Amino acid sequence: VSAYGLFRFCAIAQDDATPLFMSTPMWSGGMGMDTRTIGLMLLGRGVTLVLMVLVVFPRLKRRHGALALAKASSLIVPIGIFFFPFLKSVQESSSEAVLYVMIQLCFVILVFGFSIGFTSVMILVNNSAPARVIGTVNGCSQSAAALTSAVAPAVAGTLFSWSLTNGLEFPFDYHFVFFFIAACATGLGVILYFAPKSLGSRATEDEHE
């Protein structure tokens, strides 16, 4: 439940910080993109998400299992978030075509990590309790997700605004909000590291008697 809530926090915070960073003027610390360009960038992410959920995840799940995929995503997501603000350096030193490719590559990494992570953690939540209490467990996980979803935009927006006005150098400039989210995502790895292997299969009534 805690892993699911933290996953949701990181995903919503990243989704909130990304368009803010991309639309903020370059002189103020952002990438200075217009809404049309941002929309085209995010379109590629949407297509990737559909492919990941419908095609890639089922095959990986059959081969590696939900627990292994959840642990893998807890490593991929922090790395993708950490390097995202460095796209501004790419923008300043490369062509528009190279920038587009690098943004889409970063989106692919993040979408892959979040898509397999969300789905895998939901499976682990369902595996964690027998059928008689699974409704309660799912209710708790959805409540945690709703709470973190409500908090994440405020946290991400506040930190990004602060980073643009604090007058501080790296890493407390526009990089900071992404580093903060990446640090939170690293906590997923800690939680999942201690997850028992038994979560890889559905709990039975006998296991909880």
N, C-alpha and C. Protein backbone atom coordinates (compact mmCIF):
# COMPACT_ATOMS: atom_id res chain seq x y z
N VAL A 1 0.83 -1.20 0.00
CA VAL A 1 0.00 0.00 0.00
C VAL A 1 0.87 1.26 0.00
N SER A 2 1.91 1.27 0.82
CA SER A 2 2.80 2.43 0.88
C SER A 2 3.55 2.61 -0.44
N ALA A 3 3.95 1.49 -1.06
CA ALA A 3 4.64 1.57 -2.34
C ALA A 3 3.73 2.13 -3.42
N TYR A 4 2.47 1.72 -3.40
CA TYR A 4 1.52 2.22 -4.40
C TYR A 4 1.29 3.71 -4.22
N GLY A 5 1.11 4.14 -2.97
CA GLY A 5 0.92 5.56 -2.71
C GLY A 5 2.12 6.39 -3.12
N LEU A 6 3.33 5.88 -2.84
CA LEU A 6 4.55 6.60 -3.20
C LEU A 6 4.74 6.63 -4.70
N PHE A 7 4.40 5.52 -5.36
CA PHE A 7 4.46 5.48 -6.82
C PHE A 7 3.56 6.55 -7.43
N ARG A 8 2.34 6.64 -6.90
CA ARG A 8 1.40 7.62 -7.42
C ARG A 8 1.90 9.05 -7.19
N PHE A 9 2.48 9.29 -6.02
CA PHE A 9 3.02 10.62 -5.72
C PHE A 9 4.08 11.01 -6.74
N CYS A 10 5.01 10.09 -7.00
CA CYS A 10 6.10 10.39 -7.94
C CYS A 10 5.58 10.61 -9.35
N ALA A 11 4.61 9.79 -9.77
CA ALA A 11 4.07 9.92 -11.13
C ALA A 11 3.35 11.24 -11.31
N ILE A 12 2.50 11.61 -10.35
CA ILE A 12 1.74 12.85 -10.46
C ILE A 12 2.66 14.06 -10.34
N ALA A 13 3.62 14.00 -9.44
CA ALA A 13 4.56 15.11 -9.29
C ALA A 13 5.39 15.31 -10.55
N GLN A 14 5.83 14.21 -11.16
CA GLN A 14 6.58 14.31 -12.41
C GLN A 14 5.71 14.86 -13.53
N ASP A 15 4.48 14.38 -13.61
CA ASP A 15 3.56 14.87 -14.64
C ASP A 15 3.27 16.36 -14.47
N ASP A 16 3.28 16.83 -13.24
CA ASP A 16 3.03 18.25 -12.98
C ASP A 16 4.27 19.09 -13.28
N ALA A 17 5.44 18.59 -12.89
CA ALA A 17 6.67 19.37 -13.06
C ALA A 17 7.11 19.44 -14.53
N THR A 18 6.81 18.39 -15.29
CA THR A 18 7.28 18.33 -16.67
C THR A 18 6.77 19.48 -17.54
N PRO A 19 5.44 19.70 -17.64
CA PRO A 19 4.99 20.82 -18.47
C PRO A 19 5.39 22.18 -17.91
N LEU A 20 5.51 22.28 -16.59
CA LEU A 20 5.97 23.54 -16.00
C LEU A 20 7.39 23.84 -16.46
N PHE A 21 8.24 22.84 -16.40
CA PHE A 21 9.63 23.01 -16.80
C PHE A 21 9.74 23.31 -18.29
N MET A 22 8.95 22.63 -19.09
CA MET A 22 9.04 22.79 -20.54
C MET A 22 8.47 24.13 -21.01
N SER A 23 7.50 24.67 -20.29
CA SER A 23 6.85 25.92 -20.72
C SER A 23 7.47 27.17 -20.11
N THR A 24 8.22 27.03 -19.04
CA THR A 24 8.86 28.19 -18.41
C THR A 24 9.90 28.80 -19.35
N PRO A 25 9.96 30.12 -19.47
CA PRO A 25 10.94 30.76 -20.35
C PRO A 25 12.37 30.33 -20.05
N MET A 26 13.20 30.26 -21.07
CA MET A 26 14.58 29.80 -20.90
C MET A 26 15.36 30.71 -19.95
N TRP A 27 15.11 32.00 -20.04
CA TRP A 27 15.85 32.92 -19.18
C TRP A 27 15.52 32.74 -17.71
N SER A 28 14.37 32.09 -17.45
CA SER A 28 13.95 31.88 -16.07
C SER A 28 14.30 30.49 -15.56
N GLY A 29 14.88 29.65 -16.42
CA GLY A 29 15.28 28.32 -15.98
C GLY A 29 14.56 27.18 -16.64
N GLY A 30 13.60 27.48 -17.55
CA GLY A 30 12.86 26.42 -18.22
C GLY A 30 13.36 26.19 -19.63
N MET A 31 12.52 25.52 -20.44
CA MET A 31 12.91 25.19 -21.81
C MET A 31 12.25 26.10 -22.85
N GLY A 32 11.31 26.96 -22.41
CA GLY A 32 10.74 27.97 -23.29
C GLY A 32 9.93 27.43 -24.45
N MET A 33 9.26 26.30 -24.29
CA MET A 33 8.48 25.71 -25.38
C MET A 33 7.05 26.25 -25.38
N ASP A 34 6.45 26.33 -26.57
CA ASP A 34 5.04 26.73 -26.63
C ASP A 34 4.14 25.51 -26.44
N THR A 35 2.85 25.76 -26.30
CA THR A 35 1.92 24.68 -25.99
C THR A 35 1.84 23.64 -27.11
N ARG A 36 1.97 24.08 -28.36
CA ARG A 36 1.90 23.14 -29.48
C ARG A 36 3.07 22.16 -29.43
N THR A 37 4.26 22.67 -29.18
CA THR A 37 5.44 21.81 -29.11
C THR A 37 5.35 20.84 -27.95
N ILE A 38 4.90 21.34 -26.81
CA ILE A 38 4.75 20.48 -25.63
C ILE A 38 3.73 19.38 -25.92
N GLY A 39 2.63 19.74 -26.59
CA GLY A 39 1.62 18.75 -26.93
C GLY A 39 2.16 17.65 -27.82
N LEU A 40 2.99 18.03 -28.79
CA LEU A 40 3.59 17.03 -29.67
C LEU A 40 4.54 16.11 -28.90
N MET A 41 5.28 16.69 -27.97
CA MET A 41 6.18 15.90 -27.15
C MET A 41 5.41 14.89 -26.30
N LEU A 42 4.32 15.35 -25.70
CA LEU A 42 3.54 14.48 -24.83
C LEU A 42 2.74 13.45 -25.61
N LEU A 43 2.46 13.74 -26.89
CA LEU A 43 1.76 12.77 -27.73
C LEU A 43 2.56 11.48 -27.85
N GLY A 44 3.86 11.63 -28.06
CA GLY A 44 4.71 10.45 -28.15
C GLY A 44 4.69 9.64 -26.87
N ARG A 45 4.62 10.33 -25.75
CA ARG A 45 4.56 9.62 -24.47
C ARG A 45 3.28 8.82 -24.34
N GLY A 46 2.17 9.39 -24.81
CA GLY A 46 0.89 8.68 -24.74
C GLY A 46 0.88 7.41 -25.57
N VAL A 47 1.44 7.49 -26.76
CA VAL A 47 1.51 6.31 -27.63
C VAL A 47 2.38 5.23 -26.97
N THR A 48 3.49 5.65 -26.39
CA THR A 48 4.38 4.71 -25.72
C THR A 48 3.68 4.02 -24.56
N LEU A 49 2.89 4.77 -23.81
CA LEU A 49 2.18 4.21 -22.66
C LEU A 49 1.22 3.11 -23.09
N VAL A 50 0.48 3.35 -24.16
CA VAL A 50 -0.47 2.33 -24.65
C VAL A 50 0.27 1.06 -25.03
N LEU A 51 1.38 1.20 -25.74
CA LEU A 51 2.15 0.04 -26.18
C LEU A 51 2.73 -0.72 -24.99
N MET A 52 3.19 0.01 -23.99
CA MET A 52 3.77 -0.63 -22.81
C MET A 52 2.74 -1.47 -22.07
N VAL A 53 1.57 -0.90 -21.86
CA VAL A 53 0.54 -1.57 -21.06
C VAL A 53 -0.06 -2.76 -21.80
N LEU A 54 -0.32 -2.58 -23.09
CA LEU A 54 -1.03 -3.62 -23.84
C LEU A 54 -0.11 -4.69 -24.44
N VAL A 55 1.14 -4.34 -24.73
CA VAL A 55 2.01 -5.27 -25.45
C VAL A 55 3.20 -5.72 -24.59
N VAL A 56 3.93 -4.76 -24.05
CA VAL A 56 5.20 -5.08 -23.38
C VAL A 56 4.98 -5.71 -22.01
N PHE A 57 4.13 -5.10 -21.18
CA PHE A 57 3.99 -5.58 -19.80
C PHE A 57 3.51 -7.03 -19.71
N PRO A 58 2.47 -7.44 -20.43
CA PRO A 58 2.02 -8.83 -20.30
C PRO A 58 3.13 -9.85 -20.55
N ARG A 59 3.97 -9.59 -21.54
CA ARG A 59 5.05 -10.51 -21.85
C ARG A 59 6.11 -10.53 -20.75
N LEU A 60 6.45 -9.36 -20.24
CA LEU A 60 7.43 -9.30 -19.15
C LEU A 60 6.88 -9.94 -17.88
N LYS A 61 5.60 -9.75 -17.63
CA LYS A 61 4.97 -10.33 -16.45
C LYS A 61 5.04 -11.86 -16.48
N ARG A 62 4.76 -12.45 -17.63
CA ARG A 62 4.80 -13.90 -17.74
C ARG A 62 6.22 -14.44 -17.54
N ARG A 63 7.21 -13.67 -17.97
CA ARG A 63 8.59 -14.15 -17.91
C ARG A 63 9.25 -13.90 -16.57
N HIS A 64 9.01 -12.74 -15.97
CA HIS A 64 9.76 -12.34 -14.78
C HIS A 64 8.92 -12.25 -13.51
N GLY A 65 7.62 -12.07 -13.61
CA GLY A 65 6.79 -11.95 -12.43
C GLY A 65 6.64 -10.51 -11.97
N ALA A 66 5.57 -10.24 -11.22
CA ALA A 66 5.25 -8.87 -10.80
C ALA A 66 6.27 -8.29 -9.83
N LEU A 67 6.78 -9.10 -8.91
CA LEU A 67 7.70 -8.57 -7.91
C LEU A 67 9.01 -8.12 -8.55
N ALA A 68 9.54 -8.91 -9.46
CA ALA A 68 10.78 -8.54 -10.13
C ALA A 68 10.59 -7.28 -10.97
N LEU A 69 9.44 -7.16 -11.62
CA LEU A 69 9.18 -5.97 -12.43
C LEU A 69 9.03 -4.73 -11.56
N ALA A 70 8.38 -4.89 -10.41
CA ALA A 70 8.23 -3.75 -9.50
C ALA A 70 9.59 -3.27 -9.01
N LYS A 71 10.47 -4.21 -8.69
CA LYS A 71 11.81 -3.83 -8.25
C LYS A 71 12.59 -3.16 -9.37
N ALA A 72 12.45 -3.68 -10.58
CA ALA A 72 13.14 -3.08 -11.72
C ALA A 72 12.67 -1.65 -11.96
N SER A 73 11.36 -1.43 -11.85
CA SER A 73 10.82 -0.09 -12.07
C SER A 73 11.30 0.89 -11.00
N SER A 74 11.52 0.38 -9.78
CA SER A 74 11.99 1.26 -8.70
C SER A 74 13.42 1.72 -8.94
N LEU A 75 14.13 1.06 -9.84
CA LEU A 75 15.47 1.50 -10.24
C LEU A 75 15.41 2.41 -11.46
N ILE A 76 14.52 2.09 -12.39
CA ILE A 76 14.42 2.84 -13.64
C ILE A 76 13.85 4.23 -13.43
N VAL A 77 12.78 4.33 -12.64
CA VAL A 77 12.08 5.60 -12.46
C VAL A 77 12.97 6.70 -11.86
N PRO A 78 13.71 6.44 -10.76
CA PRO A 78 14.55 7.52 -10.23
C PRO A 78 15.62 8.01 -11.22
N ILE A 79 16.16 7.07 -12.01
CA ILE A 79 17.18 7.46 -12.98
C ILE A 79 16.58 8.37 -14.06
N GLY A 80 15.40 7.98 -14.57
CA GLY A 80 14.74 8.79 -15.59
C GLY A 80 14.38 10.18 -15.10
N ILE A 81 13.88 10.26 -13.88
CA ILE A 81 13.51 11.56 -13.31
C ILE A 81 14.75 12.41 -13.05
N PHE A 82 15.79 11.79 -12.54
CA PHE A 82 17.02 12.52 -12.19
C PHE A 82 17.62 13.22 -13.40
N PHE A 83 17.63 12.54 -14.54
CA PHE A 83 18.28 13.09 -15.72
C PHE A 83 17.38 14.01 -16.54
N PHE A 84 16.09 14.06 -16.22
CA PHE A 84 15.17 14.86 -17.03
C PHE A 84 15.56 16.34 -17.12
N PRO A 85 15.91 17.02 -16.03
CA PRO A 85 16.23 18.45 -16.15
C PRO A 85 17.47 18.74 -16.97
N PHE A 86 18.32 17.74 -17.19
CA PHE A 86 19.52 17.95 -17.99
C PHE A 86 19.20 18.06 -19.48
N LEU A 87 17.92 17.85 -19.84
CA LEU A 87 17.51 18.07 -21.22
C LEU A 87 17.69 19.54 -21.62
N LYS A 88 17.66 20.41 -20.64
CA LYS A 88 17.89 21.83 -20.94
C LYS A 88 19.29 22.04 -21.49
N SER A 89 20.27 21.30 -20.99
CA SER A 89 21.64 21.40 -21.50
C SER A 89 21.70 20.89 -22.94
N VAL A 90 20.92 19.84 -23.23
CA VAL A 90 20.85 19.33 -24.59
C VAL A 90 20.24 20.38 -25.51
N GLN A 91 19.21 21.05 -25.03
CA GLN A 91 18.55 22.09 -25.82
C GLN A 91 19.51 23.22 -26.16
N GLU A 92 20.39 23.56 -25.24
CA GLU A 92 21.30 24.68 -25.44
C GLU A 92 22.48 24.35 -26.35
N SER A 93 22.73 23.04 -26.54
CA SER A 93 23.92 22.67 -27.30
C SER A 93 23.65 21.82 -28.53
N SER A 94 22.37 21.50 -28.79
CA SER A 94 22.06 20.60 -29.90
C SER A 94 20.93 21.16 -30.76
N SER A 95 20.68 20.47 -31.86
CA SER A 95 19.61 20.88 -32.76
C SER A 95 18.25 20.49 -32.19
N GLU A 96 17.20 21.03 -32.80
CA GLU A 96 15.84 20.72 -32.36
C GLU A 96 15.52 19.24 -32.55
N ALA A 97 16.03 18.65 -33.62
CA ALA A 97 15.78 17.23 -33.88
C ALA A 97 16.41 16.35 -32.81
N VAL A 98 17.64 16.68 -32.42
CA VAL A 98 18.32 15.92 -31.37
C VAL A 98 17.58 16.07 -30.05
N LEU A 99 17.13 17.29 -29.76
CA LEU A 99 16.38 17.53 -28.53
C LEU A 99 15.11 16.70 -28.50
N TYR A 100 14.39 16.65 -29.63
CA TYR A 100 13.14 15.87 -29.70
C TYR A 100 13.42 14.40 -29.42
N VAL A 101 14.47 13.88 -30.02
CA VAL A 101 14.81 12.47 -29.82
C VAL A 101 15.16 12.20 -28.36
N MET A 102 15.92 13.09 -27.76
CA MET A 102 16.33 12.90 -26.36
C MET A 102 15.15 12.99 -25.41
N ILE A 103 14.22 13.92 -25.68
CA ILE A 103 13.02 14.03 -24.85
C ILE A 103 12.18 12.76 -24.96
N GLN A 104 12.00 12.26 -26.18
CA GLN A 104 11.22 11.04 -26.36
C GLN A 104 11.90 9.85 -25.71
N LEU A 105 13.22 9.79 -25.76
CA LEU A 105 13.95 8.71 -25.10
C LEU A 105 13.73 8.75 -23.59
N CYS A 106 13.78 9.95 -23.04
CA CYS A 106 13.54 10.10 -21.60
C CYS A 106 12.11 9.71 -21.25
N PHE A 107 11.16 10.09 -22.09
CA PHE A 107 9.77 9.72 -21.87
C PHE A 107 9.58 8.20 -21.94
N VAL A 108 10.26 7.56 -22.88
CA VAL A 108 10.16 6.10 -22.99
C VAL A 108 10.65 5.44 -21.71
N ILE A 109 11.75 5.91 -21.17
CA ILE A 109 12.29 5.35 -19.93
C ILE A 109 11.30 5.53 -18.78
N LEU A 110 10.75 6.75 -18.66
CA LEU A 110 9.82 7.02 -17.57
C LEU A 110 8.52 6.26 -17.73
N VAL A 111 7.99 6.23 -18.95
CA VAL A 111 6.74 5.51 -19.19
C VAL A 111 6.93 4.02 -18.93
N PHE A 112 8.05 3.48 -19.37
CA PHE A 112 8.33 2.07 -19.11
C PHE A 112 8.38 1.80 -17.61
N GLY A 113 9.11 2.64 -16.88
CA GLY A 113 9.23 2.45 -15.45
C GLY A 113 7.91 2.59 -14.72
N PHE A 114 7.17 3.66 -15.02
CA PHE A 114 5.90 3.89 -14.32
C PHE A 114 4.83 2.88 -14.71
N SER A 115 4.76 2.51 -15.98
CA SER A 115 3.70 1.60 -16.42
C SER A 115 3.87 0.21 -15.83
N ILE A 116 5.08 -0.32 -15.91
CA ILE A 116 5.28 -1.66 -15.33
C ILE A 116 5.24 -1.58 -13.80
N GLY A 117 5.66 -0.44 -13.26
CA GLY A 117 5.64 -0.30 -11.81
C GLY A 117 4.24 -0.24 -11.23
N PHE A 118 3.39 0.62 -11.81
CA PHE A 118 2.01 0.73 -11.34
C PHE A 118 1.29 -0.60 -11.40
N THR A 119 1.36 -1.23 -12.56
CA THR A 119 0.62 -2.48 -12.75
C THR A 119 1.16 -3.57 -11.83
N SER A 120 2.48 -3.64 -11.71
CA SER A 120 3.08 -4.67 -10.86
C SER A 120 2.73 -4.46 -9.39
N VAL A 121 2.81 -3.22 -8.94
CA VAL A 121 2.49 -2.96 -7.53
C VAL A 121 1.03 -3.25 -7.24
N MET A 122 0.14 -2.96 -8.17
CA MET A 122 -1.27 -3.30 -7.98
C MET A 122 -1.45 -4.81 -7.86
N ILE A 123 -0.72 -5.56 -8.65
CA ILE A 123 -0.78 -7.02 -8.54
C ILE A 123 -0.26 -7.48 -7.19
N LEU A 124 0.82 -6.85 -6.71
CA LEU A 124 1.38 -7.20 -5.41
C LEU A 124 0.40 -6.89 -4.28
N VAL A 125 -0.30 -5.77 -4.41
CA VAL A 125 -1.33 -5.42 -3.42
C VAL A 125 -2.40 -6.50 -3.38
N ASN A 126 -2.85 -6.93 -4.54
CA ASN A 126 -3.87 -7.98 -4.59
C ASN A 126 -3.35 -9.32 -4.07
N ASN A 127 -2.05 -9.55 -4.24
CA ASN A 127 -1.46 -10.80 -3.75
C ASN A 127 -1.19 -10.80 -2.26
N SER A 128 -1.23 -9.62 -1.66
CA SER A 128 -0.79 -9.49 -0.27
C SER A 128 -1.82 -9.95 0.75
N ALA A 129 -3.06 -10.15 0.33
CA ALA A 129 -4.11 -10.50 1.29
C ALA A 129 -5.05 -11.54 0.69
N PRO A 130 -5.65 -12.37 1.53
CA PRO A 130 -6.62 -13.35 1.03
C PRO A 130 -7.90 -12.67 0.55
N ALA A 131 -8.72 -13.42 -0.15
CA ALA A 131 -9.91 -12.86 -0.79
C ALA A 131 -10.85 -12.17 0.19
N ARG A 132 -10.92 -12.67 1.43
CA ARG A 132 -11.90 -12.12 2.39
C ARG A 132 -11.59 -10.69 2.81
N VAL A 133 -10.34 -10.24 2.65
CA VAL A 133 -9.99 -8.87 3.05
C VAL A 133 -9.43 -8.05 1.89
N ILE A 134 -9.46 -8.62 0.69
CA ILE A 134 -8.84 -7.92 -0.42
C ILE A 134 -9.54 -6.60 -0.73
N GLY A 135 -10.84 -6.53 -0.47
CA GLY A 135 -11.55 -5.28 -0.68
C GLY A 135 -11.05 -4.18 0.25
N THR A 136 -10.79 -4.54 1.50
CA THR A 136 -10.27 -3.57 2.46
C THR A 136 -8.88 -3.10 2.06
N VAL A 137 -8.04 -4.05 1.66
CA VAL A 137 -6.67 -3.72 1.26
C VAL A 137 -6.68 -2.80 0.04
N ASN A 138 -7.50 -3.12 -0.94
CA ASN A 138 -7.59 -2.27 -2.13
C ASN A 138 -8.13 -0.90 -1.79
N GLY A 139 -9.07 -0.84 -0.87
CA GLY A 139 -9.60 0.45 -0.44
C GLY A 139 -8.53 1.30 0.20
N CYS A 140 -7.68 0.68 1.02
CA CYS A 140 -6.59 1.41 1.65
C CYS A 140 -5.58 1.91 0.62
N SER A 141 -5.28 1.06 -0.36
CA SER A 141 -4.30 1.45 -1.39
C SER A 141 -4.84 2.60 -2.24
N GLN A 142 -6.12 2.55 -2.57
CA GLN A 142 -6.70 3.62 -3.37
C GLN A 142 -6.81 4.92 -2.56
N SER A 143 -7.05 4.79 -1.27
CA SER A 143 -7.09 5.98 -0.41
C SER A 143 -5.71 6.63 -0.33
N ALA A 144 -4.68 5.79 -0.19
CA ALA A 144 -3.31 6.31 -0.16
C ALA A 144 -2.97 6.98 -1.47
N ALA A 145 -3.38 6.36 -2.58
CA ALA A 145 -3.11 6.94 -3.90
C ALA A 145 -3.85 8.26 -4.08
N ALA A 146 -5.09 8.34 -3.61
CA ALA A 146 -5.85 9.58 -3.74
C ALA A 146 -5.22 10.70 -2.93
N LEU A 147 -4.74 10.36 -1.72
CA LEU A 147 -4.10 11.36 -0.88
C LEU A 147 -2.82 11.90 -1.52
N THR A 148 -1.98 11.00 -1.99
CA THR A 148 -0.72 11.44 -2.60
C THR A 148 -0.97 12.16 -3.92
N SER A 149 -2.02 11.77 -4.64
CA SER A 149 -2.35 12.46 -5.89
C SER A 149 -2.78 13.90 -5.63
N ALA A 150 -3.43 14.11 -4.49
CA ALA A 150 -3.87 15.46 -4.13
C ALA A 150 -2.70 16.33 -3.69
N VAL A 151 -1.74 15.72 -3.01
CA VAL A 151 -0.61 16.46 -2.46
C VAL A 151 0.47 16.74 -3.50
N ALA A 152 0.68 15.78 -4.41
CA ALA A 152 1.82 15.85 -5.34
C ALA A 152 1.86 17.12 -6.18
N PRO A 153 0.76 17.55 -6.82
CA PRO A 153 0.85 18.77 -7.64
C PRO A 153 1.24 20.01 -6.84
N ALA A 154 0.72 20.10 -5.64
CA ALA A 154 1.07 21.25 -4.79
C ALA A 154 2.53 21.24 -4.43
N VAL A 155 3.04 20.07 -4.08
CA VAL A 155 4.46 19.95 -3.72
C VAL A 155 5.35 20.27 -4.91
N ALA A 156 5.05 19.65 -6.06
CA ALA A 156 5.88 19.86 -7.25
C ALA A 156 5.84 21.32 -7.70
N GLY A 157 4.64 21.90 -7.74
CA GLY A 157 4.51 23.30 -8.16
C GLY A 157 5.22 24.25 -7.23
N THR A 158 5.09 24.02 -5.94
CA THR A 158 5.73 24.89 -4.95
C THR A 158 7.25 24.81 -5.04
N LEU A 159 7.77 23.59 -5.15
CA LEU A 159 9.22 23.42 -5.22
C LEU A 159 9.78 24.01 -6.52
N PHE A 160 9.05 23.85 -7.62
CA PHE A 160 9.54 24.41 -8.88
C PHE A 160 9.54 25.93 -8.82
N SER A 161 8.49 26.52 -8.28
CA SER A 161 8.43 27.98 -8.15
C SER A 161 9.56 28.49 -7.25
N TRP A 162 9.79 27.78 -6.15
CA TRP A 162 10.86 28.17 -5.23
C TRP A 162 12.22 28.09 -5.91
N SER A 163 12.42 27.06 -6.72
CA SER A 163 13.73 26.88 -7.36
C SER A 163 14.02 28.00 -8.37
N LEU A 164 12.98 28.60 -8.93
CA LEU A 164 13.17 29.67 -9.91
C LEU A 164 13.42 31.02 -9.27
N THR A 165 13.08 31.17 -8.00
CA THR A 165 13.16 32.47 -7.35
C THR A 165 14.14 32.52 -6.18
N ASN A 166 14.77 31.39 -5.84
CA ASN A 166 15.63 31.38 -4.65
C ASN A 166 17.02 31.96 -4.89
N GLY A 167 17.40 32.11 -6.16
CA GLY A 167 18.71 32.68 -6.46
C GLY A 167 19.88 31.76 -6.17
N LEU A 168 19.60 30.48 -5.91
CA LEU A 168 20.66 29.53 -5.57
C LEU A 168 21.15 28.80 -6.81
N GLU A 169 22.36 28.28 -6.70
CA GLU A 169 22.96 27.55 -7.81
C GLU A 169 22.59 26.06 -7.74
N PHE A 170 23.03 25.32 -8.75
CA PHE A 170 22.84 23.87 -8.79
C PHE A 170 23.29 23.24 -7.46
N PRO A 171 22.54 22.32 -6.88
CA PRO A 171 21.35 21.63 -7.40
C PRO A 171 20.03 22.25 -6.96
N PHE A 172 20.07 23.46 -6.40
CA PHE A 172 18.85 24.07 -5.88
C PHE A 172 18.16 24.98 -6.89
N ASP A 173 18.61 24.92 -8.15
CA ASP A 173 17.94 25.69 -9.19
C ASP A 173 16.82 24.83 -9.78
N TYR A 174 16.55 24.95 -11.07
CA TYR A 174 15.42 24.23 -11.67
C TYR A 174 15.58 22.70 -11.60
N HIS A 175 16.79 22.23 -11.30
CA HIS A 175 17.00 20.79 -11.15
C HIS A 175 16.33 20.24 -9.89
N PHE A 176 16.14 21.10 -8.89
CA PHE A 176 15.82 20.63 -7.55
C PHE A 176 14.54 19.82 -7.47
N VAL A 177 13.46 20.28 -8.11
CA VAL A 177 12.19 19.57 -7.99
C VAL A 177 12.32 18.15 -8.54
N PHE A 178 13.07 17.99 -9.61
CA PHE A 178 13.25 16.65 -10.19
C PHE A 178 14.14 15.78 -9.30
N PHE A 179 15.15 16.39 -8.69
CA PHE A 179 15.98 15.63 -7.77
C PHE A 179 15.18 15.18 -6.55
N PHE A 180 14.27 16.04 -6.10
CA PHE A 180 13.43 15.70 -4.96
C PHE A 180 12.52 14.52 -5.29
N ILE A 181 11.88 14.58 -6.46
CA ILE A 181 11.00 13.49 -6.88
C ILE A 181 11.80 12.20 -7.05
N ALA A 182 12.99 12.31 -7.63
CA ALA A 182 13.84 11.13 -7.80
C ALA A 182 14.22 10.52 -6.46
N ALA A 183 14.48 11.37 -5.46
CA ALA A 183 14.81 10.87 -4.14
C ALA A 183 13.62 10.12 -3.53
N CYS A 184 12.41 10.67 -3.73
CA CYS A 184 11.21 9.98 -3.25
C CYS A 184 11.04 8.64 -3.96
N ALA A 185 11.31 8.63 -5.26
CA ALA A 185 11.19 7.39 -6.03
C ALA A 185 12.20 6.35 -5.56
N THR A 186 13.35 6.80 -5.09
CA THR A 186 14.34 5.87 -4.56
C THR A 186 13.80 5.13 -3.35
N GLY A 187 12.90 5.78 -2.61
CA GLY A 187 12.27 5.12 -1.46
C GLY A 187 11.47 3.89 -1.87
N LEU A 188 11.00 3.87 -3.13
CA LEU A 188 10.28 2.70 -3.62
C LEU A 188 11.18 1.47 -3.60
N GLY A 189 12.44 1.67 -3.99
CA GLY A 189 13.38 0.57 -4.00
C GLY A 189 13.61 0.02 -2.61
N VAL A 190 13.65 0.92 -1.62
CA VAL A 190 13.84 0.49 -0.24
C VAL A 190 12.65 -0.35 0.23
N ILE A 191 11.43 0.14 -0.07
CA ILE A 191 10.22 -0.59 0.34
C ILE A 191 10.17 -1.96 -0.34
N LEU A 192 10.41 -1.99 -1.63
CA LEU A 192 10.29 -3.24 -2.38
C LEU A 192 11.44 -4.20 -2.09
N TYR A 193 12.57 -3.68 -1.63
CA TYR A 193 13.68 -4.55 -1.27
C TYR A 193 13.29 -5.49 -0.13
N PHE A 194 12.48 -4.98 0.77
CA PHE A 194 12.06 -5.77 1.93
C PHE A 194 10.76 -6.54 1.68
N ALA A 195 10.22 -6.43 0.47
CA ALA A 195 8.99 -7.16 0.15
C ALA A 195 9.28 -8.66 0.09
N PRO A 196 8.49 -9.48 0.77
CA PRO A 196 8.72 -10.93 0.75
C PRO A 196 8.45 -11.53 -0.63
N LYS A 197 9.16 -12.59 -0.94
CA LYS A 197 8.99 -13.25 -2.24
C LYS A 197 7.60 -13.84 -2.39
N SER A 198 6.93 -14.08 -1.27
CA SER A 198 5.59 -14.67 -1.33
C SER A 198 4.59 -13.77 -2.04
N LEU A 199 4.92 -12.47 -2.17
CA LEU A 199 4.01 -11.56 -2.87
C LEU A 199 3.94 -11.87 -4.36
N GLY A 200 4.85 -12.67 -4.82
CA GLY A 200 4.83 -13.04 -6.23
C GLY A 200 3.68 -13.94 -6.61
N SER A 201 2.98 -14.49 -5.61
CA SER A 201 1.82 -15.34 -5.87
C SER A 201 0.67 -14.93 -4.98
N ARG A 202 -0.52 -15.29 -5.33
CA ARG A 202 -1.73 -14.88 -4.63
C ARG A 202 -1.79 -15.51 -3.25
N ALA A 203 -2.09 -14.70 -2.25
CA ALA A 203 -2.21 -15.20 -0.87
C ALA A 203 -3.43 -16.09 -0.75
N THR A 204 -3.32 -17.10 0.12
CA THR A 204 -4.45 -17.99 0.40
C THR A 204 -4.89 -17.81 1.84
N GLU A 205 -6.05 -18.32 2.11
CA GLU A 205 -6.57 -18.23 3.48
C GLU A 205 -5.65 -18.96 4.48
N ASP A 206 -5.06 -20.08 4.04
CA ASP A 206 -4.22 -20.87 4.93
C ASP A 206 -2.98 -20.10 5.37
N GLU A 207 -2.44 -19.26 4.47
CA GLU A 207 -1.24 -18.50 4.79
C GLU A 207 -1.48 -17.45 5.86
N HIS A 208 -2.72 -17.07 6.06
CA HIS A 208 -3.03 -15.99 7.00
C HIS A 208 -3.79 -16.49 8.22
N GLU A 209 -3.90 -17.79 8.38
CA GLU A 209 -4.56 -18.31 9.56
C GLU A 209 -3.59 -18.39 10.72
